[in-house]
């Protein structure tokens, strides 16, 4: 099985939940901490294309709530959302998981079970 690439923050509860889930199943992973390592515009565009920018932009975060109403109201397109996430990486849904075939945002056990369904020999 290929190694899973996680993007998130090591202290985030959602990231910790996915790591625990993967560890319990012996699935190898590596973590890209986008708070310290940053994130590219190209990577955000890739995720937004796959899942929709509304799913990648975390409007439930304290960072979102700390934005001015004007900043929030002007985030109506993918380009605006990506620009805002580049400026404030805490606005990116956590974690984002890439398997090579699948991209998943957040901890969704049902989706994880679907993606990593054991193959029957």
PDB file of N, CA and C in Angstrom:
ATOM      1  N   UNK A   1       0.846  -1.192   0.000  1.00  0.00           N
ATOM      2  CA  UNK A   1       0.000   0.000   0.000  1.00  0.00           C
ATOM      3  C   UNK A   1       0.883   1.244   0.000  1.00  0.00           C
ATOM      4  N   UNK A   2       0.443   2.246  -0.737  1.00  0.00           N
ATOM      5  CA  UNK A   2       1.211   3.481  -0.818  1.00  0.00           C
ATOM      6  C   UNK A   2       1.134   4.258   0.495  1.00  0.00           C
ATOM      7  N   UNK A   3       2.068   5.161   0.650  1.00  0.00           N
ATOM      8  CA  UNK A   3       2.102   6.006   1.833  1.00  0.00           C
ATOM      9  C   UNK A   3       1.106   7.142   1.666  1.00  0.00           C
ATOM     10  N   UNK A   4       0.434   7.478   2.733  1.00  0.00           N
ATOM     11  CA  UNK A   4      -0.566   8.543   2.733  1.00  0.00           C
ATOM     12  C   UNK A   4       0.110   9.857   3.098  1.00  0.00           C
ATOM     13  N   UNK A   5      -0.237  10.895   2.372  1.00  0.00           N
ATOM     14  CA  UNK A   5       0.267  12.235   2.680  1.00  0.00           C
ATOM     15  C   UNK A   5      -0.837  13.010   3.376  1.00  0.00           C
ATOM     16  N   UNK A   6      -0.556  13.456   4.579  1.00  0.00           N
ATOM     17  CA  UNK A   6      -1.487  14.301   5.331  1.00  0.00           C
ATOM     18  C   UNK A   6      -0.986  15.734   5.281  1.00  0.00           C
ATOM     19  N   UNK A   7      -1.921  16.661   5.205  1.00  0.00           N
ATOM     20  CA  UNK A   7      -1.628  18.086   5.288  1.00  0.00           C
ATOM     21  C   UNK A   7      -2.458  18.616   6.442  1.00  0.00           C
ATOM     22  N   UNK A   8      -1.818  19.235   7.396  1.00  0.00           N
ATOM     23  CA  UNK A   8      -2.561  19.756   8.534  1.00  0.00           C
ATOM     24  C   UNK A   8      -1.636  20.299   9.592  1.00  0.00           C
ATOM     25  N   UNK A   9      -2.136  20.295  10.808  1.00  0.00           N
ATOM     26  CA  UNK A   9      -1.384  20.783  11.956  1.00  0.00           C
ATOM     27  C   UNK A   9      -1.313  19.656  12.982  1.00  0.00           C
ATOM     28  N   UNK A  10      -0.135  19.381  13.521  1.00  0.00           N
ATOM     29  CA  UNK A  10       0.020  18.229  14.404  1.00  0.00           C
ATOM     30  C   UNK A  10      -0.804  18.308  15.694  1.00  0.00           C
ATOM     31  N   UNK A  11      -1.170  19.500  16.115  1.00  0.00           N
ATOM     32  CA  UNK A  11      -1.929  19.658  17.359  1.00  0.00           C
ATOM     33  C   UNK A  11      -3.440  19.739  17.127  1.00  0.00           C
ATOM     34  N   UNK A  12      -3.871  19.672  15.877  1.00  0.00           N
ATOM     35  CA  UNK A  12      -5.289  19.761  15.534  1.00  0.00           C
ATOM     36  C   UNK A  12      -5.987  18.441  15.874  1.00  0.00           C
ATOM     37  N   UNK A  13      -7.146  18.521  16.507  1.00  0.00           N
ATOM     38  CA  UNK A  13      -7.886  17.315  16.892  1.00  0.00           C
ATOM     39  C   UNK A  13      -8.258  16.456  15.685  1.00  0.00           C
ATOM     40  N   UNK A  14      -8.662  17.088  14.591  1.00  0.00           N
ATOM     41  CA  UNK A  14      -9.012  16.332  13.389  1.00  0.00           C
ATOM     42  C   UNK A  14      -7.808  15.599  12.812  1.00  0.00           C
ATOM     43  N   UNK A  15      -6.671  16.270  12.790  1.00  0.00           N
ATOM     44  CA  UNK A  15      -5.445  15.647  12.295  1.00  0.00           C
ATOM     45  C   UNK A  15      -5.052  14.490  13.205  1.00  0.00           C
ATOM     46  N   UNK A  16      -5.121  14.696  14.502  1.00  0.00           N
ATOM     47  CA  UNK A  16      -4.797  13.628  15.457  1.00  0.00           C
ATOM     48  C   UNK A  16      -5.719  12.431  15.272  1.00  0.00           C
ATOM     49  N   UNK A  17      -7.000  12.684  15.014  1.00  0.00           N
ATOM     50  CA  UNK A  17      -7.965  11.590  14.833  1.00  0.00           C
ATOM     51  C   UNK A  17      -7.623  10.764  13.597  1.00  0.00           C
ATOM     52  N   UNK A  18      -7.272  11.426  12.507  1.00  0.00           N
ATOM     53  CA  UNK A  18      -6.905  10.698  11.286  1.00  0.00           C
ATOM     54  C   UNK A  18      -5.616   9.920  11.507  1.00  0.00           C
ATOM     55  N   UNK A  19      -4.637  10.523  12.165  1.00  0.00           N
ATOM     56  CA  UNK A  19      -3.375   9.835  12.447  1.00  0.00           C
ATOM     57  C   UNK A  19      -3.631   8.587  13.289  1.00  0.00           C
ATOM     58  N   UNK A  20      -4.453   8.710  14.315  1.00  0.00           N
ATOM     59  CA  UNK A  20      -4.783   7.555  15.159  1.00  0.00           C
ATOM     60  C   UNK A  20      -5.471   6.468  14.347  1.00  0.00           C
ATOM     61  N   UNK A  21      -6.400   6.872  13.478  1.00  0.00           N
ATOM     62  CA  UNK A  21      -7.127   5.922  12.642  1.00  0.00           C
ATOM     63  C   UNK A  21      -6.151   5.186  11.728  1.00  0.00           C
ATOM     64  N   UNK A  22      -5.250   5.920  11.076  1.00  0.00           N
ATOM     65  CA  UNK A  22      -4.271   5.307  10.181  1.00  0.00           C
ATOM     66  C   UNK A  22      -3.315   4.397  10.941  1.00  0.00           C
ATOM     67  N   UNK A  23      -2.820   4.864  12.091  1.00  0.00           N
ATOM     68  CA  UNK A  23      -1.894   4.063  12.902  1.00  0.00           C
ATOM     69  C   UNK A  23      -2.532   2.745  13.342  1.00  0.00           C
ATOM     70  N   UNK A  24      -3.799   2.793  13.730  1.00  0.00           N
ATOM     71  CA  UNK A  24      -4.496   1.593  14.197  1.00  0.00           C
ATOM     72  C   UNK A  24      -4.608   0.538  13.098  1.00  0.00           C
ATOM     73  N   UNK A  25      -4.493   0.958  11.857  1.00  0.00           N
ATOM     74  CA  UNK A  25      -4.611   0.034  10.725  1.00  0.00           C
ATOM     75  C   UNK A  25      -3.271  -0.227  10.037  1.00  0.00           C
ATOM     76  N   UNK A  26      -2.210   0.293  10.639  1.00  0.00           N
ATOM     77  CA  UNK A  26      -0.875   0.063  10.105  1.00  0.00           C
ATOM     78  C   UNK A  26      -0.611   0.759   8.779  1.00  0.00           C
ATOM     79  N   UNK A  27      -1.310   1.840   8.527  1.00  0.00           N
ATOM     80  CA  UNK A  27      -1.143   2.581   7.273  1.00  0.00           C
ATOM     81  C   UNK A  27      -0.080   3.650   7.476  1.00  0.00           C
ATOM     82  N   UNK A  28       0.933   3.630   6.625  1.00  0.00           N
ATOM     83  CA  UNK A  28       2.019   4.603   6.720  1.00  0.00           C
ATOM     84  C   UNK A  28       1.549   5.971   6.243  1.00  0.00           C
ATOM     85  N   UNK A  29       2.025   7.000   6.895  1.00  0.00           N
ATOM     86  CA  UNK A  29       1.640   8.366   6.556  1.00  0.00           C
ATOM     87  C   UNK A  29       2.803   9.299   6.838  1.00  0.00           C
ATOM     88  N   UNK A  30       2.758  10.464   6.252  1.00  0.00           N
ATOM     89  CA  UNK A  30       3.665  11.555   6.612  1.00  0.00           C
ATOM     90  C   UNK A  30       2.829  12.827   6.680  1.00  0.00           C
ATOM     91  N   UNK A  31       3.264  13.749   7.513  1.00  0.00           N
ATOM     92  CA  UNK A  31       2.506  14.980   7.754  1.00  0.00           C
ATOM     93  C   UNK A  31       3.256  16.187   7.215  1.00  0.00           C
ATOM     94  N   UNK A  32       2.569  16.959   6.399  1.00  0.00           N
ATOM     95  CA  UNK A  32       3.064  18.254   5.935  1.00  0.00           C
ATOM     96  C   UNK A  32       2.352  19.297   6.798  1.00  0.00           C
ATOM     97  N   UNK A  33       3.099  19.938   7.672  1.00  0.00           N
ATOM     98  CA  UNK A  33       2.547  20.967   8.554  1.00  0.00           C
ATOM     99  C   UNK A  33       2.528  22.278   7.777  1.00  0.00           C
ATOM    100  N   UNK A  34       1.348  22.668   7.288  1.00  0.00           N
ATOM    101  CA  UNK A  34       1.325  23.859   6.450  1.00  0.00           C
ATOM    102  C   UNK A  34       1.410  25.148   7.239  1.00  0.00           C
ATOM    103  N   UNK A  35       1.384  25.066   8.548  1.00  0.00           N
ATOM    104  CA  UNK A  35       1.620  26.266   9.353  1.00  0.00           C
ATOM    105  C   UNK A  35       3.111  26.633   9.312  1.00  0.00           C
ATOM    106  N   UNK A  36       3.972  25.628   9.347  1.00  0.00           N
ATOM    107  CA  UNK A  36       5.413  25.889   9.334  1.00  0.00           C
ATOM    108  C   UNK A  36       6.021  25.745   7.941  1.00  0.00           C
ATOM    109  N   UNK A  37       5.508  24.813   7.128  1.00  0.00           N
ATOM    110  CA  UNK A  37       6.083  24.557   5.807  1.00  0.00           C
ATOM    111  C   UNK A  37       5.368  25.302   4.687  1.00  0.00           C
ATOM    112  N   UNK A  38       4.223  25.898   5.002  1.00  0.00           N
ATOM    113  CA  UNK A  38       3.466  26.617   3.988  1.00  0.00           C
ATOM    114  C   UNK A  38       2.704  25.665   3.079  1.00  0.00           C
ATOM    115  N   UNK A  39       2.029  26.248   2.125  1.00  0.00           N
ATOM    116  CA  UNK A  39       1.250  25.489   1.146  1.00  0.00           C
ATOM    117  C   UNK A  39       1.268  26.285  -0.153  1.00  0.00           C
ATOM    118  N   UNK A  40       1.279  25.591  -1.257  1.00  0.00           N
ATOM    119  CA  UNK A  40       1.354  26.289  -2.539  1.00  0.00           C
ATOM    120  C   UNK A  40      -0.039  26.616  -3.059  1.00  0.00           C
ATOM    121  N   UNK A  41      -0.089  27.639  -3.873  1.00  0.00           N
ATOM    122  CA  UNK A  41      -1.340  28.011  -4.535  1.00  0.00           C
ATOM    123  C   UNK A  41      -1.807  26.855  -5.418  1.00  0.00           C
ATOM    124  N   UNK A  42      -0.870  26.198  -6.064  1.00  0.00           N
ATOM    125  CA  UNK A  42      -1.189  25.072  -6.943  1.00  0.00           C
ATOM    126  C   UNK A  42      -1.848  23.929  -6.163  1.00  0.00           C
ATOM    127  N   UNK A  43      -1.327  23.618  -4.972  1.00  0.00           N
ATOM    128  CA  UNK A  43      -1.896  22.537  -4.159  1.00  0.00           C
ATOM    129  C   UNK A  43      -3.310  22.900  -3.711  1.00  0.00           C
ATOM    130  N   UNK A  44      -3.510  24.136  -3.269  1.00  0.00           N
ATOM    131  CA  UNK A  44      -4.855  24.560  -2.866  1.00  0.00           C
ATOM    132  C   UNK A  44      -5.819  24.496  -4.047  1.00  0.00           C
ATOM    133  N   UNK A  45      -5.368  24.913  -5.218  1.00  0.00           N
ATOM    134  CA  UNK A  45      -6.216  24.860  -6.415  1.00  0.00           C
ATOM    135  C   UNK A  45      -6.576  23.415  -6.756  1.00  0.00           C
ATOM    136  N   UNK A  46      -5.618  22.508  -6.602  1.00  0.00           N
ATOM    137  CA  UNK A  46      -5.865  21.085  -6.856  1.00  0.00           C
ATOM    138  C   UNK A  46      -6.958  20.554  -5.918  1.00  0.00           C
ATOM    139  N   UNK A  47      -6.836  20.871  -4.637  1.00  0.00           N
ATOM    140  CA  UNK A  47      -7.848  20.416  -3.666  1.00  0.00           C
ATOM    141  C   UNK A  47      -9.205  21.029  -3.956  1.00  0.00           C
ATOM    142  N   UNK A  48      -9.202  22.328  -4.251  1.00  0.00           N
ATOM    143  CA  UNK A  48     -10.464  23.016  -4.536  1.00  0.00           C
ATOM    144  C   UNK A  48     -11.124  22.444  -5.788  1.00  0.00           C
ATOM    145  N   UNK A  49     -10.330  22.112  -6.776  1.00  0.00           N
ATOM    146  CA  UNK A  49     -10.865  21.517  -8.001  1.00  0.00           C
ATOM    147  C   UNK A  49     -11.499  20.163  -7.692  1.00  0.00           C
ATOM    148  N   UNK A  50     -10.847  19.385  -6.845  1.00  0.00           N
ATOM    149  CA  UNK A  50     -11.324  18.037  -6.524  1.00  0.00           C
ATOM    150  C   UNK A  50     -12.539  18.041  -5.593  1.00  0.00           C
ATOM    151  N   UNK A  51     -12.523  18.914  -4.592  1.00  0.00           N
ATOM    152  CA  UNK A  51     -13.545  18.867  -3.537  1.00  0.00           C
ATOM    153  C   UNK A  51     -14.451  20.092  -3.479  1.00  0.00           C
ATOM    154  N   UNK A  52     -14.062  21.159  -4.155  1.00  0.00           N
ATOM    155  CA  UNK A  52     -14.796  22.417  -4.048  1.00  0.00           C
ATOM    156  C   UNK A  52     -14.170  23.309  -2.997  1.00  0.00           C
ATOM    157  N   UNK A  53     -14.014  24.583  -3.320  1.00  0.00           N
ATOM    158  CA  UNK A  53     -13.346  25.494  -2.380  1.00  0.00           C
ATOM    159  C   UNK A  53     -14.135  25.659  -1.088  1.00  0.00           C
ATOM    160  N   UNK A  54     -15.449  25.496  -1.152  1.00  0.00           N
ATOM    161  CA  UNK A  54     -16.262  25.635   0.049  1.00  0.00           C
ATOM    162  C   UNK A  54     -15.941  24.546   1.081  1.00  0.00           C
ATOM    163  N   UNK A  55     -15.486  23.385   0.606  1.00  0.00           N
ATOM    164  CA  UNK A  55     -15.120  22.294   1.512  1.00  0.00           C
ATOM    165  C   UNK A  55     -13.719  22.496   2.088  1.00  0.00           C
ATOM    166  N   UNK A  56     -12.838  23.115   1.330  1.00  0.00           N
ATOM    167  CA  UNK A  56     -11.461  23.327   1.771  1.00  0.00           C
ATOM    168  C   UNK A  56     -11.350  24.533   2.703  1.00  0.00           C
ATOM    169  N   UNK A  57     -12.139  25.562   2.472  1.00  0.00           N
ATOM    170  CA  UNK A  57     -12.132  26.762   3.323  1.00  0.00           C
ATOM    171  C   UNK A  57     -12.938  26.474   4.583  1.00  0.00           C
ATOM    172  N   UNK A  58     -12.275  26.518   5.729  1.00  0.00           N
ATOM    173  CA  UNK A  58     -12.914  26.184   7.003  1.00  0.00           C
ATOM    174  C   UNK A  58     -13.581  27.417   7.615  1.00  0.00           C
ATOM    175  N   UNK A  59     -14.870  27.565   7.344  1.00  0.00           N
ATOM    176  CA  UNK A  59     -15.616  28.710   7.864  1.00  0.00           C
ATOM    177  C   UNK A  59     -16.056  28.516   9.313  1.00  0.00           C
ATOM    178  N   UNK A  60     -15.748  27.365   9.895  1.00  0.00           N
ATOM    179  CA  UNK A  60     -16.075  27.137  11.307  1.00  0.00           C
ATOM    180  C   UNK A  60     -14.896  27.465  12.225  1.00  0.00           C
ATOM    181  N   UNK A  61     -13.782  27.866  11.635  1.00  0.00           N
ATOM    182  CA  UNK A  61     -12.578  28.125  12.426  1.00  0.00           C
ATOM    183  C   UNK A  61     -12.649  29.471  13.148  1.00  0.00           C
ATOM    184  N   UNK A  62     -11.873  29.574  14.204  1.00  0.00           N
ATOM    185  CA  UNK A  62     -11.785  30.848  14.922  1.00  0.00           C
ATOM    186  C   UNK A  62     -11.130  31.904  14.034  1.00  0.00           C
ATOM    187  N   UNK A  63     -10.245  31.471  13.141  1.00  0.00           N
ATOM    188  CA  UNK A  63      -9.610  32.422  12.220  1.00  0.00           C
ATOM    189  C   UNK A  63     -10.656  33.051  11.313  1.00  0.00           C
ATOM    190  N   UNK A  64     -11.580  32.246  10.797  1.00  0.00           N
ATOM    191  CA  UNK A  64     -12.659  32.781   9.952  1.00  0.00           C
ATOM    192  C   UNK A  64     -13.493  33.780  10.741  1.00  0.00           C
ATOM    193  N   UNK A  65     -13.831  33.423  11.970  1.00  0.00           N
ATOM    194  CA  UNK A  65     -14.665  34.304  12.796  1.00  0.00           C
ATOM    195  C   UNK A  65     -13.947  35.603  13.159  1.00  0.00           C
ATOM    196  N   UNK A  66     -12.605  35.580  13.116  1.00  0.00           N
ATOM    197  CA  UNK A  66     -11.852  36.796  13.446  1.00  0.00           C
ATOM    198  C   UNK A  66     -11.695  37.735  12.244  1.00  0.00           C
ATOM    199  N   UNK A  67     -12.055  37.270  11.055  1.00  0.00           N
ATOM    200  CA  UNK A  67     -11.986  38.135   9.874  1.00  0.00           C
ATOM    201  C   UNK A  67     -13.075  39.203   9.937  1.00  0.00           C
ATOM    202  N   UNK A  68     -12.843  40.291   9.252  1.00  0.00           N
ATOM    203  CA  UNK A  68     -13.866  41.340   9.198  1.00  0.00           C
ATOM    204  C   UNK A  68     -15.030  40.852   8.331  1.00  0.00           C
ATOM    205  N   UNK A  69     -16.214  41.392   8.560  1.00  0.00           N
ATOM    206  CA  UNK A  69     -17.336  41.025   7.688  1.00  0.00           C
ATOM    207  C   UNK A  69     -17.024  41.280   6.211  1.00  0.00           C
ATOM    208  N   UNK A  70     -16.282  42.330   5.915  1.00  0.00           N
ATOM    209  CA  UNK A  70     -15.927  42.623   4.526  1.00  0.00           C
ATOM    210  C   UNK A  70     -15.059  41.514   3.936  1.00  0.00           C
ATOM    211  N   UNK A  71     -14.094  41.021   4.722  1.00  0.00           N
ATOM    212  CA  UNK A  71     -13.251  39.923   4.244  1.00  0.00           C
ATOM    213  C   UNK A  71     -14.079  38.659   4.013  1.00  0.00           C
ATOM    214  N   UNK A  72     -14.958  38.369   4.957  1.00  0.00           N
ATOM    215  CA  UNK A  72     -15.806  37.184   4.815  1.00  0.00           C
ATOM    216  C   UNK A  72     -16.715  37.310   3.593  1.00  0.00           C
ATOM    217  N   UNK A  73     -17.360  38.450   3.460  1.00  0.00           N
ATOM    218  CA  UNK A  73     -18.323  38.645   2.373  1.00  0.00           C
ATOM    219  C   UNK A  73     -17.672  38.693   0.999  1.00  0.00           C
ATOM    220  N   UNK A  74     -16.389  39.034   0.934  1.00  0.00           N
ATOM    221  CA  UNK A  74     -15.716  39.106  -0.368  1.00  0.00           C
ATOM    222  C   UNK A  74     -15.159  37.750  -0.808  1.00  0.00           C
ATOM    223  N   UNK A  75     -15.291  36.745   0.036  1.00  0.00           N
ATOM    224  CA  UNK A  75     -14.795  35.411  -0.301  1.00  0.00           C
ATOM    225  C   UNK A  75     -15.921  34.615  -0.951  1.00  0.00           C
ATOM    226  N   UNK A  76     -16.114  34.881  -2.242  1.00  0.00           N
ATOM    227  CA  UNK A  76     -17.232  34.273  -2.969  1.00  0.00           C
ATOM    228  C   UNK A  76     -16.793  33.455  -4.175  1.00  0.00           C
ATOM    229  N   UNK A  77     -15.483  33.399  -4.422  1.00  0.00           N
ATOM    230  CA  UNK A  77     -14.974  32.634  -5.557  1.00  0.00           C
ATOM    231  C   UNK A  77     -13.812  31.764  -5.098  1.00  0.00           C
ATOM    232  N   UNK A  78     -13.475  30.790  -5.922  1.00  0.00           N
ATOM    233  CA  UNK A  78     -12.341  29.931  -5.606  1.00  0.00           C
ATOM    234  C   UNK A  78     -11.058  30.738  -5.512  1.00  0.00           C
ATOM    235  N   UNK A  79     -10.843  31.654  -6.428  1.00  0.00           N
ATOM    236  CA  UNK A  79      -9.623  32.473  -6.418  1.00  0.00           C
ATOM    237  C   UNK A  79      -9.517  33.290  -5.129  1.00  0.00           C
ATOM    238  N   UNK A  80     -10.620  33.885  -4.698  1.00  0.00           N
ATOM    239  CA  UNK A  80     -10.613  34.667  -3.457  1.00  0.00           C
ATOM    240  C   UNK A  80     -10.357  33.769  -2.252  1.00  0.00           C
ATOM    241  N   UNK A  81     -10.955  32.585  -2.253  1.00  0.00           N
ATOM    242  CA  UNK A  81     -10.761  31.649  -1.142  1.00  0.00           C
ATOM    243  C   UNK A  81      -9.306  31.191  -1.068  1.00  0.00           C
ATOM    244  N   UNK A  82      -8.733  30.857  -2.217  1.00  0.00           N
ATOM    245  CA  UNK A  82      -7.333  30.418  -2.234  1.00  0.00           C
ATOM    246  C   UNK A  82      -6.423  31.536  -1.747  1.00  0.00           C
ATOM    247  N   UNK A  83      -6.646  32.744  -2.204  1.00  0.00           N
ATOM    248  CA  UNK A  83      -5.837  33.875  -1.757  1.00  0.00           C
ATOM    249  C   UNK A  83      -5.920  34.045  -0.245  1.00  0.00           C
ATOM    250  N   UNK A  84      -7.121  33.935   0.292  1.00  0.00           N
ATOM    251  CA  UNK A  84      -7.315  34.076   1.738  1.00  0.00           C
ATOM    252  C   UNK A  84      -6.631  32.938   2.502  1.00  0.00           C
ATOM    253  N   UNK A  85      -6.721  31.701   1.975  1.00  0.00           N
ATOM    254  CA  UNK A  85      -6.078  30.563   2.640  1.00  0.00           C
ATOM    255  C   UNK A  85      -4.559  30.652   2.575  1.00  0.00           C
ATOM    256  N   UNK A  86      -4.020  31.230   1.507  1.00  0.00           N
ATOM    257  CA  UNK A  86      -2.578  31.432   1.424  1.00  0.00           C
ATOM    258  C   UNK A  86      -2.105  32.423   2.484  1.00  0.00           C
ATOM    259  N   UNK A  87      -2.933  33.429   2.754  1.00  0.00           N
ATOM    260  CA  UNK A  87      -2.600  34.432   3.768  1.00  0.00           C
ATOM    261  C   UNK A  87      -2.817  33.907   5.185  1.00  0.00           C
ATOM    262  N   UNK A  88      -3.788  33.014   5.346  1.00  0.00           N
ATOM    263  CA  UNK A  88      -4.166  32.491   6.666  1.00  0.00           C
ATOM    264  C   UNK A  88      -4.322  30.975   6.563  1.00  0.00           C
ATOM    265  N   UNK A  89      -3.223  30.230   6.706  1.00  0.00           N
ATOM    266  CA  UNK A  89      -3.297  28.778   6.530  1.00  0.00           C
ATOM    267  C   UNK A  89      -4.212  28.103   7.549  1.00  0.00           C
ATOM    268  N   UNK A  90      -4.520  28.773   8.636  1.00  0.00           N
ATOM    269  CA  UNK A  90      -5.450  28.209   9.618  1.00  0.00           C
ATOM    270  C   UNK A  90      -6.866  28.092   9.060  1.00  0.00           C
ATOM    271  N   UNK A  91      -7.117  28.719   7.920  1.00  0.00           N
ATOM    272  CA  UNK A  91      -8.437  28.636   7.289  1.00  0.00           C
ATOM    273  C   UNK A  91      -8.608  27.373   6.443  1.00  0.00           C
ATOM    274  N   UNK A  92      -7.544  26.591   6.282  1.00  0.00           N
ATOM    275  CA  UNK A  92      -7.621  25.375   5.490  1.00  0.00           C
ATOM    276  C   UNK A  92      -8.188  24.254   6.362  1.00  0.00           C
ATOM    277  N   UNK A  93      -9.198  23.573   5.851  1.00  0.00           N
ATOM    278  CA  UNK A  93      -9.790  22.437   6.557  1.00  0.00           C
ATOM    279  C   UNK A  93      -8.693  21.442   6.900  1.00  0.00           C
ATOM    280  N   UNK A  94      -8.789  20.846   8.085  1.00  0.00           N
ATOM    281  CA  UNK A  94      -7.753  19.923   8.538  1.00  0.00           C
ATOM    282  C   UNK A  94      -8.346  18.591   8.938  1.00  0.00           C
ATOM    283  N   UNK A  95      -7.555  17.562   8.662  1.00  0.00           N
ATOM    284  CA  UNK A  95      -6.451  17.523   7.712  1.00  0.00           C
ATOM    285  C   UNK A  95      -6.967  17.280   6.304  1.00  0.00           C
ATOM    286  N   UNK A  96      -6.095  17.466   5.344  1.00  0.00           N
ATOM    287  CA  UNK A  96      -6.366  17.023   3.978  1.00  0.00           C
ATOM    288  C   UNK A  96      -5.489  15.796   3.780  1.00  0.00           C
ATOM    289  N   UNK A  97      -6.084  14.727   3.286  1.00  0.00           N
ATOM    290  CA  UNK A  97      -5.407  13.455   3.113  1.00  0.00           C
ATOM    291  C   UNK A  97      -5.360  13.116   1.623  1.00  0.00           C
ATOM    292  N   UNK A  98      -4.185  12.771   1.145  1.00  0.00           N
ATOM    293  CA  UNK A  98      -4.015  12.363  -0.246  1.00  0.00           C
ATOM    294  C   UNK A  98      -3.483  10.941  -0.284  1.00  0.00           C
ATOM    295  N   UNK A  99      -4.105  10.099  -1.096  1.00  0.00           N
ATOM    296  CA  UNK A  99      -3.645   8.719  -1.246  1.00  0.00           C
ATOM    297  C   UNK A  99      -3.024   8.461  -2.611  1.00  0.00           C
ATOM    298  N   UNK A 100      -3.069   9.418  -3.479  1.00  0.00           N
ATOM    299  CA  UNK A 100      -2.650   9.219  -4.857  1.00  0.00           C
ATOM    300  C   UNK A 100      -3.863   9.072  -5.759  1.00  0.00           C
ATOM    301  N   UNK A 101      -4.920   8.464  -5.230  1.00  0.00           N
ATOM    302  CA  UNK A 101      -6.174   8.304  -5.973  1.00  0.00           C
ATOM    303  C   UNK A 101      -7.287   9.146  -5.378  1.00  0.00           C
ATOM    304  N   UNK A 102      -7.203   9.407  -4.084  1.00  0.00           N
ATOM    305  CA  UNK A 102      -8.281  10.085  -3.364  1.00  0.00           C
ATOM    306  C   UNK A 102      -7.758  11.275  -2.591  1.00  0.00           C
ATOM    307  N   UNK A 103      -8.646  12.252  -2.425  1.00  0.00           N
ATOM    308  CA  UNK A 103      -8.383  13.407  -1.567  1.00  0.00           C
ATOM    309  C   UNK A 103      -9.563  13.494  -0.616  1.00  0.00           C
ATOM    310  N   UNK A 104      -9.266  13.623   0.659  1.00  0.00           N
ATOM    311  CA  UNK A 104     -10.296  13.711   1.688  1.00  0.00           C
ATOM    312  C   UNK A 104      -9.963  14.878   2.598  1.00  0.00           C
ATOM    313  N   UNK A 105     -10.955  15.690   2.929  1.00  0.00           N
ATOM    314  CA  UNK A 105     -10.746  16.821   3.838  1.00  0.00           C
ATOM    315  C   UNK A 105     -11.497  16.559   5.134  1.00  0.00           C
ATOM    316  N   UNK A 106     -10.788  16.631   6.254  1.00  0.00           N
ATOM    317  CA  UNK A 106     -11.391  16.417   7.556  1.00  0.00           C
ATOM    318  C   UNK A 106     -11.413  14.948   7.935  1.00  0.00           C
ATOM    319  N   UNK A 107     -11.830  14.687   9.161  1.00  0.00           N
ATOM    320  CA  UNK A 107     -11.929  13.313   9.644  1.00  0.00           C
ATOM    321  C   UNK A 107     -13.329  12.799   9.357  1.00  0.00           C
ATOM    322  N   UNK A 108     -13.414  11.845   8.451  1.00  0.00           N
ATOM    323  CA  UNK A 108     -14.679  11.225   8.073  1.00  0.00           C
ATOM    324  C   UNK A 108     -14.432   9.723   8.057  1.00  0.00           C
ATOM    325  N   UNK A 109     -14.780   9.059   9.152  1.00  0.00           N
ATOM    326  CA  UNK A 109     -14.471   7.636   9.296  1.00  0.00           C
ATOM    327  C   UNK A 109     -15.128   6.789   8.206  1.00  0.00           C
ATOM    328  N   UNK A 110     -16.330   7.138   7.817  1.00  0.00           N
ATOM    329  CA  UNK A 110     -17.013   6.395   6.759  1.00  0.00           C
ATOM    330  C   UNK A 110     -16.222   6.460   5.450  1.00  0.00           C
ATOM    331  N   UNK A 111     -15.742   7.650   5.107  1.00  0.00           N
ATOM    332  CA  UNK A 111     -14.944   7.817   3.888  1.00  0.00           C
ATOM    333  C   UNK A 111     -13.587   7.122   4.010  1.00  0.00           C
ATOM    334  N   UNK A 112     -12.976   7.200   5.188  1.00  0.00           N
ATOM    335  CA  UNK A 112     -11.705   6.506   5.394  1.00  0.00           C
ATOM    336  C   UNK A 112     -11.886   5.002   5.205  1.00  0.00           C
ATOM    337  N   UNK A 113     -12.964   4.457   5.755  1.00  0.00           N
ATOM    338  CA  UNK A 113     -13.240   3.026   5.590  1.00  0.00           C
ATOM    339  C   UNK A 113     -13.457   2.679   4.116  1.00  0.00           C
ATOM    340  N   UNK A 114     -14.119   3.553   3.381  1.00  0.00           N
ATOM    341  CA  UNK A 114     -14.347   3.315   1.953  1.00  0.00           C
ATOM    342  C   UNK A 114     -13.032   3.348   1.182  1.00  0.00           C
ATOM    343  N   UNK A 115     -12.221   4.363   1.449  1.00  0.00           N
ATOM    344  CA  UNK A 115     -10.964   4.533   0.730  1.00  0.00           C
ATOM    345  C   UNK A 115      -9.983   3.394   1.023  1.00  0.00           C
ATOM    346  N   UNK A 116      -9.924   2.985   2.277  1.00  0.00           N
ATOM    347  CA  UNK A 116      -8.951   1.972   2.682  1.00  0.00           C
ATOM    348  C   UNK A 116      -9.595   0.607   2.913  1.00  0.00           C
ATOM    349  N   UNK A 117     -10.669   0.352   2.201  1.00  0.00           N
ATOM    350  CA  UNK A 117     -11.357  -0.933   2.301  1.00  0.00           C
ATOM    351  C   UNK A 117     -10.350  -2.044   2.007  1.00  0.00           C
ATOM    352  N   UNK A 118     -10.212  -3.004   2.916  1.00  0.00           N
ATOM    353  CA  UNK A 118      -9.250  -4.072   2.680  1.00  0.00           C
ATOM    354  C   UNK A 118      -9.596  -4.862   1.417  1.00  0.00           C
ATOM    355  N   UNK A 119      -8.580  -5.157   0.641  1.00  0.00           N
ATOM    356  CA  UNK A 119      -8.827  -5.976  -0.546  1.00  0.00           C
ATOM    357  C   UNK A 119      -8.909  -7.433  -0.127  1.00  0.00           C
ATOM    358  N   UNK A 120      -9.814  -8.151  -0.747  1.00  0.00           N
ATOM    359  CA  UNK A 120     -10.005  -9.568  -0.438  1.00  0.00           C
ATOM    360  C   UNK A 120      -9.275 -10.370  -1.504  1.00  0.00           C
ATOM    361  N   UNK A 121      -8.372 -11.230  -1.057  1.00  0.00           N
ATOM    362  CA  UNK A 121      -7.594 -12.044  -2.011  1.00  0.00           C
ATOM    363  C   UNK A 121      -8.317 -13.318  -2.360  1.00  0.00           C
TER     364      UNK A 121
END
